[in-house]
Amino acid sequence: MTNVDRLQQAGLIQVHHPLTDAEAQSVNQLSSTEIDALISVRVKLGDAFFQRKVQDGDAHRMGTVLL
């Protein structure tokens, strides 16, 4: 499973907003520890936090990654 797959499964990358090849390459270059940390933050802060802070279509906020 790629890093992109892991982040999509964890809800950090929206499947309906696909990454560019360059973005996917950058994400896939992150270490497993870095991906684990991103997922941990998402779990600890919860969906409500991220839904308030970033809405679909907010391209100016972290691109397609909902962090």
Protein backbone atom coordinates (compact mmCIF):
# COMPACT_ATOMS: atom_id res chain seq x y z
CA MET A 1 0.00 0.00 0.00
CA THR A 2 1.38 3.41 -0.97
CA ASN A 3 1.45 6.44 1.31
CA VAL A 4 -1.26 8.02 -0.85
CA ASP A 5 -3.41 4.91 -0.32
CA ARG A 6 -2.84 5.04 3.44
CA LEU A 7 -3.78 8.73 3.64
CA GLN A 8 -6.86 8.19 1.48
CA GLN A 9 -7.93 5.30 3.68
CA ALA A 10 -7.42 7.48 6.77
CA GLY A 11 -9.50 10.28 5.26
CA LEU A 12 -6.65 12.75 4.89
CA ILE A 13 -6.73 12.81 1.11
CA GLN A 14 -10.12 12.98 -0.55
CA VAL A 15 -10.46 10.37 -3.30
CA HIS A 16 -12.67 12.68 -5.38
CA HIS A 17 -9.83 15.25 -5.48
CA PRO A 18 -7.01 13.23 -7.02
CA LEU A 19 -3.43 14.33 -6.51
CA THR A 20 -1.22 15.40 -9.37
CA ASP A 21 1.63 13.06 -10.22
CA ALA A 22 4.07 15.44 -8.52
CA GLU A 23 1.94 15.58 -5.35
CA ALA A 24 1.60 11.80 -5.23
CA GLN A 25 5.34 11.40 -5.71
CA SER A 26 6.04 13.82 -2.84
CA VAL A 27 3.59 12.05 -0.52
CA ASN A 28 5.01 8.65 -1.42
CA GLN A 29 8.50 9.88 -0.51
CA LEU A 30 7.44 10.53 3.10
CA SER A 31 8.62 7.99 5.63
CA SER A 32 6.28 5.53 7.29
CA THR A 33 6.84 7.43 10.56
CA GLU A 34 5.74 10.70 8.95
CA ILE A 35 2.60 9.07 7.54
CA ASP A 36 1.84 7.51 10.93
CA ALA A 37 2.16 10.97 12.54
CA LEU A 38 -0.25 12.56 10.04
CA ILE A 39 -2.78 9.81 10.65
CA SER A 40 -2.36 10.10 14.42
CA VAL A 41 -3.04 13.85 14.34
CA ARG A 42 -6.15 13.25 12.25
CA VAL A 43 -7.43 10.64 14.71
CA LYS A 44 -6.68 12.76 17.79
CA LEU A 45 -8.26 15.97 16.47
CA GLY A 46 -11.18 14.22 14.82
CA ASP A 47 -13.31 14.75 11.75
CA ALA A 48 -15.24 17.70 13.17
CA PHE A 49 -12.03 19.72 13.58
CA PHE A 50 -10.98 19.18 9.97
CA GLN A 51 -14.44 19.73 8.54
CA ARG A 52 -14.58 23.13 10.29
CA LYS A 53 -11.11 24.13 9.16
CA VAL A 54 -11.06 22.92 5.55
CA GLN A 55 -14.01 22.48 3.24
CA ASP A 56 -13.99 20.75 -0.14
CA GLY A 57 -12.86 23.18 -2.78
CA ASP A 58 -10.60 25.22 -0.49
CA ALA A 59 -7.70 24.90 -2.93
CA HIS A 60 -5.82 27.66 -1.13
CA ARG A 61 -5.60 25.49 2.02
CA MET A 62 -3.21 22.58 1.68
CA GLY A 63 -4.36 21.65 -1.83
CA THR A 64 -6.20 18.35 -1.90
CA VAL A 65 -4.85 17.17 1.42
CA LEU A 66 -7.27 17.84 4.26
CA LEU A 67 -4.89 18.42 7.11
